[in-house]
C-alpha atoms as a PDB file:
ATOM      1  CA  MET A   1      26.371 -64.707  14.632  1.00  0.00           C
ATOM      2  CA  GLU A   2      25.187 -67.111  12.037  1.00  0.00           C
ATOM      3  CA  LYS A   3      27.707 -68.319   9.027  1.00  0.00           C
ATOM      4  CA  PRO A   4      26.421 -67.198   5.677  1.00  0.00           C
ATOM      5  CA  GLU A   5      25.625 -69.638   3.152  1.00  0.00           C
ATOM      6  CA  GLY A   6      27.569 -70.068   0.097  1.00  0.00           C
ATOM      7  CA  PRO A   7      31.252 -69.785  -0.808  1.00  0.00           C
ATOM      8  CA  LYS A   8      33.232 -67.149   1.531  1.00  0.00           C
ATOM      9  CA  ILE A   9      34.419 -64.408  -0.877  1.00  0.00           C
ATOM     10  CA  ILE A  10      36.696 -61.630  -0.082  1.00  0.00           C
ATOM     11  CA  ALA A  11      36.240 -58.257  -1.863  1.00  0.00           C
ATOM     12  CA  PHE A  12      38.998 -55.425  -2.365  1.00  0.00           C
ATOM     13  CA  LEU A  13      37.299 -52.574  -3.611  1.00  0.00           C
ATOM     14  CA  CYS A  14      38.354 -49.160  -4.454  1.00  0.00           C
ATOM     15  CA  ASN A  15      37.193 -46.460  -2.461  1.00  0.00           C
ATOM     16  CA  TRP A  16      36.031 -44.320  -5.415  1.00  0.00           C
ATOM     17  CA  CYS A  17      34.046 -46.695  -7.489  1.00  0.00           C
ATOM     18  CA  THR A  18      33.115 -49.840  -6.754  1.00  0.00           C
ATOM     19  CA  TYR A  19      33.319 -49.747  -2.448  1.00  0.00           C
ATOM     20  CA  ALA A  20      30.512 -46.783  -3.495  1.00  0.00           C
ATOM     21  CA  ALA A  21      28.705 -49.061  -5.522  1.00  0.00           C
ATOM     22  CA  ALA A  22      28.610 -51.483  -2.955  1.00  0.00           C
ATOM     23  CA  ASP A  23      27.276 -48.670  -0.858  1.00  0.00           C
ATOM     24  CA  LEU A  24      24.479 -47.454  -3.114  1.00  0.00           C
ATOM     25  CA  ALA A  25      23.425 -51.229  -3.588  1.00  0.00           C
ATOM     26  CA  GLY A  26      22.673 -51.039   0.043  1.00  0.00           C
ATOM     27  CA  THR A  27      21.599 -47.684   0.202  1.00  0.00           C
ATOM     28  CA  ALA A  28      19.372 -48.831  -2.391  1.00  0.00           C
ATOM     29  CA  ARG A  29      18.446 -52.023  -0.830  1.00  0.00           C
ATOM     30  CA  LEU A  30      19.479 -54.300  -3.851  1.00  0.00           C
ATOM     31  CA  THR A  31      19.711 -58.049  -2.905  1.00  0.00           C
ATOM     32  CA  TYR A  32      22.734 -59.903  -3.122  1.00  0.00           C
ATOM     33  CA  PRO A  33      24.568 -62.877  -1.239  1.00  0.00           C
ATOM     34  CA  PRO A  34      25.523 -62.157   1.970  1.00  0.00           C
ATOM     35  CA  ASN A  35      28.711 -63.918   2.010  1.00  0.00           C
ATOM     36  CA  VAL A  36      30.838 -61.432   0.779  1.00  0.00           C
ATOM     37  CA  ARG A  37      33.573 -59.911   3.066  1.00  0.00           C
ATOM     38  CA  THR A  38      34.665 -56.193   1.819  1.00  0.00           C
ATOM     39  CA  VAL A  39      37.987 -54.753   2.549  1.00  0.00           C
ATOM     40  CA  ARG A  40      37.971 -50.899   1.406  1.00  0.00           C
ATOM     41  CA  ILE A  41      41.039 -49.807  -0.057  1.00  0.00           C
ATOM     42  CA  MET A  42      42.030 -46.590  -1.801  1.00  0.00           C
ATOM     43  CA  CYS A  43      42.619 -48.241  -5.170  1.00  0.00           C
ATOM     44  CA  THR A  44      43.276 -51.476  -6.925  1.00  0.00           C
ATOM     45  CA  GLY A  45      46.523 -50.543  -8.156  1.00  0.00           C
ATOM     46  CA  SER A  46      47.766 -50.007  -4.436  1.00  0.00           C
ATOM     47  CA  LEU A  47      46.357 -53.778  -3.975  1.00  0.00           C
ATOM     48  CA  ASP A  48      49.479 -55.835  -2.500  1.00  0.00           C
ATOM     49  CA  PRO A  49      49.434 -59.074  -4.391  1.00  0.00           C
ATOM     50  CA  MET A  50      50.350 -61.015  -1.077  1.00  0.00           C
ATOM     51  CA  TYR A  51      46.646 -60.089   0.489  1.00  0.00           C
ATOM     52  CA  VAL A  52      45.134 -61.989  -2.372  1.00  0.00           C
ATOM     53  CA  LEU A  53      47.143 -64.804  -2.000  1.00  0.00           C
ATOM     54  CA  LYS A  54      46.833 -64.600   1.830  1.00  0.00           C
ATOM     55  CA  ALA A  55      42.946 -64.518   1.800  1.00  0.00           C
ATOM     56  CA  PHE A  56      42.865 -67.762   0.011  1.00  0.00           C
ATOM     57  CA  LEU A  57      45.471 -69.178   2.413  1.00  0.00           C
ATOM     58  CA  GLU A  58      43.265 -68.589   5.472  1.00  0.00           C
ATOM     59  CA  GLY A  59      39.827 -70.191   3.403  1.00  0.00           C
ATOM     60  CA  ALA A  60      38.705 -67.681   0.891  1.00  0.00           C
ATOM     61  CA  ASP A  61      36.837 -69.480  -1.794  1.00  0.00           C
ATOM     62  CA  GLY A  62      37.153 -66.678  -3.909  1.00  0.00           C
ATOM     63  CA  VAL A  63      38.473 -63.018  -4.424  1.00  0.00           C
ATOM     64  CA  LEU A  64      37.030 -60.216  -6.433  1.00  0.00           C
ATOM     65  CA  VAL A  65      39.001 -57.272  -6.942  1.00  0.00           C
ATOM     66  CA  GLY A  66      36.816 -54.248  -7.756  1.00  0.00           C
ATOM     67  CA  GLY A  67      37.838 -50.680  -9.122  1.00  0.00           C
ATOM     68  CA  CYS A  68      37.360 -47.613 -11.159  1.00  0.00           C
ATOM     69  CA  ALA A  69      36.883 -48.318 -15.413  1.00  0.00           C
ATOM     70  CA  LEU A  70      39.914 -48.399 -17.313  1.00  0.00           C
ATOM     71  CA  GLY A  71      40.882 -44.672 -17.887  1.00  0.00           C
ATOM     72  CA  ASP A  72      38.623 -43.265 -15.002  1.00  0.00           C
ATOM     73  CA  CYS A  73      41.127 -44.335 -12.047  1.00  0.00           C
ATOM     74  CA  HIS A  74      41.092 -41.413  -9.640  1.00  0.00           C
ATOM     75  CA  TYR A  75      44.982 -41.660  -8.832  1.00  0.00           C
ATOM     76  CA  THR A  76      45.709 -41.746 -13.048  1.00  0.00           C
ATOM     77  CA  SER A  77      46.828 -45.237 -13.967  1.00  0.00           C
ATOM     78  CA  GLY A  78      45.937 -47.170 -10.571  1.00  0.00           C
ATOM     79  CA  ASN A  79      43.394 -49.825 -12.481  1.00  0.00           C
ATOM     80  CA  TYR A  80      46.417 -50.420 -15.132  1.00  0.00           C
ATOM     81  CA  LYS A  81      48.606 -51.680 -12.393  1.00  0.00           C
ATOM     82  CA  ALA A  82      45.743 -53.864 -11.031  1.00  0.00           C
ATOM     83  CA  ARG A  83      45.208 -55.359 -14.277  1.00  0.00           C
ATOM     84  CA  ARG A  84      48.925 -56.028 -14.356  1.00  0.00           C
ATOM     85  CA  LYS A  85      48.888 -57.746 -11.234  1.00  0.00           C
ATOM     86  CA  VAL A  86      45.600 -59.927 -11.571  1.00  0.00           C
ATOM     87  CA  ALA A  87      47.261 -61.134 -14.745  1.00  0.00           C
ATOM     88  CA  ILE A  88      50.694 -62.289 -12.773  1.00  0.00           C
ATOM     89  CA  LEU A  89      48.388 -63.448  -9.854  1.00  0.00           C
ATOM     90  CA  HIS A  90      46.242 -65.953 -12.170  1.00  0.00           C
ATOM     91  CA  GLU A  91      49.670 -67.239 -13.471  1.00  0.00           C
ATOM     92  CA  VAL A  92      50.669 -67.787 -10.031  1.00  0.00           C
ATOM     93  CA  LEU A  93      47.130 -69.425  -8.688  1.00  0.00           C
ATOM     94  CA  ASP A  94      47.719 -71.715 -11.867  1.00  0.00           C
ATOM     95  CA  ALA A  95      51.205 -72.576 -10.955  1.00  0.00           C
ATOM     96  CA  VAL A  96      50.168 -73.706  -6.864  1.00  0.00           C
ATOM     97  CA  GLY A  97      46.871 -75.416  -8.238  1.00  0.00           C
ATOM     98  CA  ILE A  98      44.250 -72.667  -7.269  1.00  0.00           C
ATOM     99  CA  GLU A  99      41.810 -71.882 -10.178  1.00  0.00           C
ATOM    100  CA  LYS A 100      42.159 -68.909 -11.614  1.00  0.00           C
ATOM    101  CA  SER A 101      38.692 -68.233 -12.204  1.00  0.00           C
ATOM    102  CA  ARG A 102      38.616 -68.078  -8.350  1.00  0.00           C
ATOM    103  CA  LEU A 103      40.369 -64.594  -8.869  1.00  0.00           C
ATOM    104  CA  TRP A 104      37.908 -61.795 -10.103  1.00  0.00           C
ATOM    105  CA  LEU A 105      38.552 -58.622 -11.909  1.00  0.00           C
ATOM    106  CA  ARG A 106      35.661 -56.406 -12.566  1.00  0.00           C
ATOM    107  CA  TRP A 107      35.505 -52.713 -13.301  1.00  0.00           C
ATOM    108  CA  ILE A 108      32.552 -51.237 -11.714  1.00  0.00           C
ATOM    109  CA  SER A 109      31.684 -47.255 -11.476  1.00  0.00           C
ATOM    110  CA  ALA A 110      29.977 -45.532  -8.621  1.00  0.00           C
ATOM    111  CA  SER A 111      26.814 -45.261  -9.755  1.00  0.00           C
ATOM    112  CA  GLU A 112      26.563 -48.881 -11.079  1.00  0.00           C
ATOM    113  CA  SER A 113      25.484 -50.521  -8.113  1.00  0.00           C
ATOM    114  CA  GLY A 114      22.773 -52.846  -9.811  1.00  0.00           C
ATOM    115  CA  LEU A 115      26.203 -54.251 -11.491  1.00  0.00           C
ATOM    116  CA  TYR A 116      27.707 -54.664  -8.346  1.00  0.00           C
ATOM    117  CA  ALA A 117      24.792 -56.573  -7.009  1.00  0.00           C
ATOM    118  CA  GLU A 118      24.750 -58.843 -10.427  1.00  0.00           C
ATOM    119  CA  THR A 119      28.630 -59.611  -9.935  1.00  0.00           C
ATOM    120  CA  ILE A 120      28.213 -60.859  -6.508  1.00  0.00           C
ATOM    121  CA  ARG A 121      25.017 -63.057  -7.771  1.00  0.00           C
ATOM    122  CA  GLU A 122      27.017 -64.200 -10.452  1.00  0.00           C
ATOM    123  CA  MET A 123      30.592 -64.723  -8.513  1.00  0.00           C
ATOM    124  CA  THR A 124      28.861 -66.604  -6.229  1.00  0.00           C
ATOM    125  CA  LYS A 125      27.032 -68.943  -8.248  1.00  0.00           C
ATOM    126  CA  ALA A 126      30.138 -69.832 -10.127  1.00  0.00           C
ATOM    127  CA  ILE A 127      32.163 -70.416  -6.691  1.00  0.00           C
ATOM    128  CA  SER A 128      29.591 -72.555  -5.803  1.00  0.00           C
ATOM    129  CA  ALA A 129      29.553 -74.587  -8.888  1.00  0.00           C
ATOM    130  CA  MET A 130      33.386 -74.883  -8.207  1.00  0.00           C
ATOM    131  CA  GLY A 131      32.863 -75.968  -4.711  1.00  0.00           C
ATOM    132  CA  PRO A 132      35.020 -75.012  -1.777  1.00  0.00           C
ATOM    133  CA  SER A 133      38.425 -74.198  -2.349  1.00  0.00           C
ATOM    134  CA  GLN A 134      41.172 -76.727  -1.282  1.00  0.00           C
ATOM    135  CA  VAL A 135      43.716 -74.727  -0.036  1.00  0.00           C
ATOM    136  CA  GLN A 136      43.740 -75.253   3.462  1.00  0.00           C
ATOM    137  CA  ALA A 137      43.436 -78.952   3.197  1.00  0.00           C
ATOM    138  CA  ARG A 138      46.578 -79.156   1.542  1.00  0.00           C
ATOM    139  CA  MET A 139      48.571 -76.888   3.709  1.00  0.00           C
ATOM    140  CA  ILE A 140      51.262 -78.883   5.432  1.00  0.00           C
ATOM    141  CA  LEU A 141      51.643 -77.157   8.491  1.00  0.00           C
END
């Protein structure tokens, strides 16, 4: 299997909204870079921040957290929890020397397949401009 060109991006996507948008983008045959690996979660509020850190430690150049629009969460307040978690993660990433701009949080509803494809294109371009993450190179075993 060929290794996709471009940065390695891990996307944690809400089952109800952003994952559905990604699915619709595929069904609609919208084009976007193939360098994203998707992890479907039931709600962005249930995302354990350790999984985001683990993604970076294991070589991800960028991480996308995608969920329902604020106020539209299927679990009432999950996206508000996700917003707080990502804010804290930005501080943690800054503290450990990882550019916080490598972690994106986006609200993409199930019908916004075009927005999902555009977000992936934008993120790939932005992360490519930053170059590969140096996390693994700095790790001491």
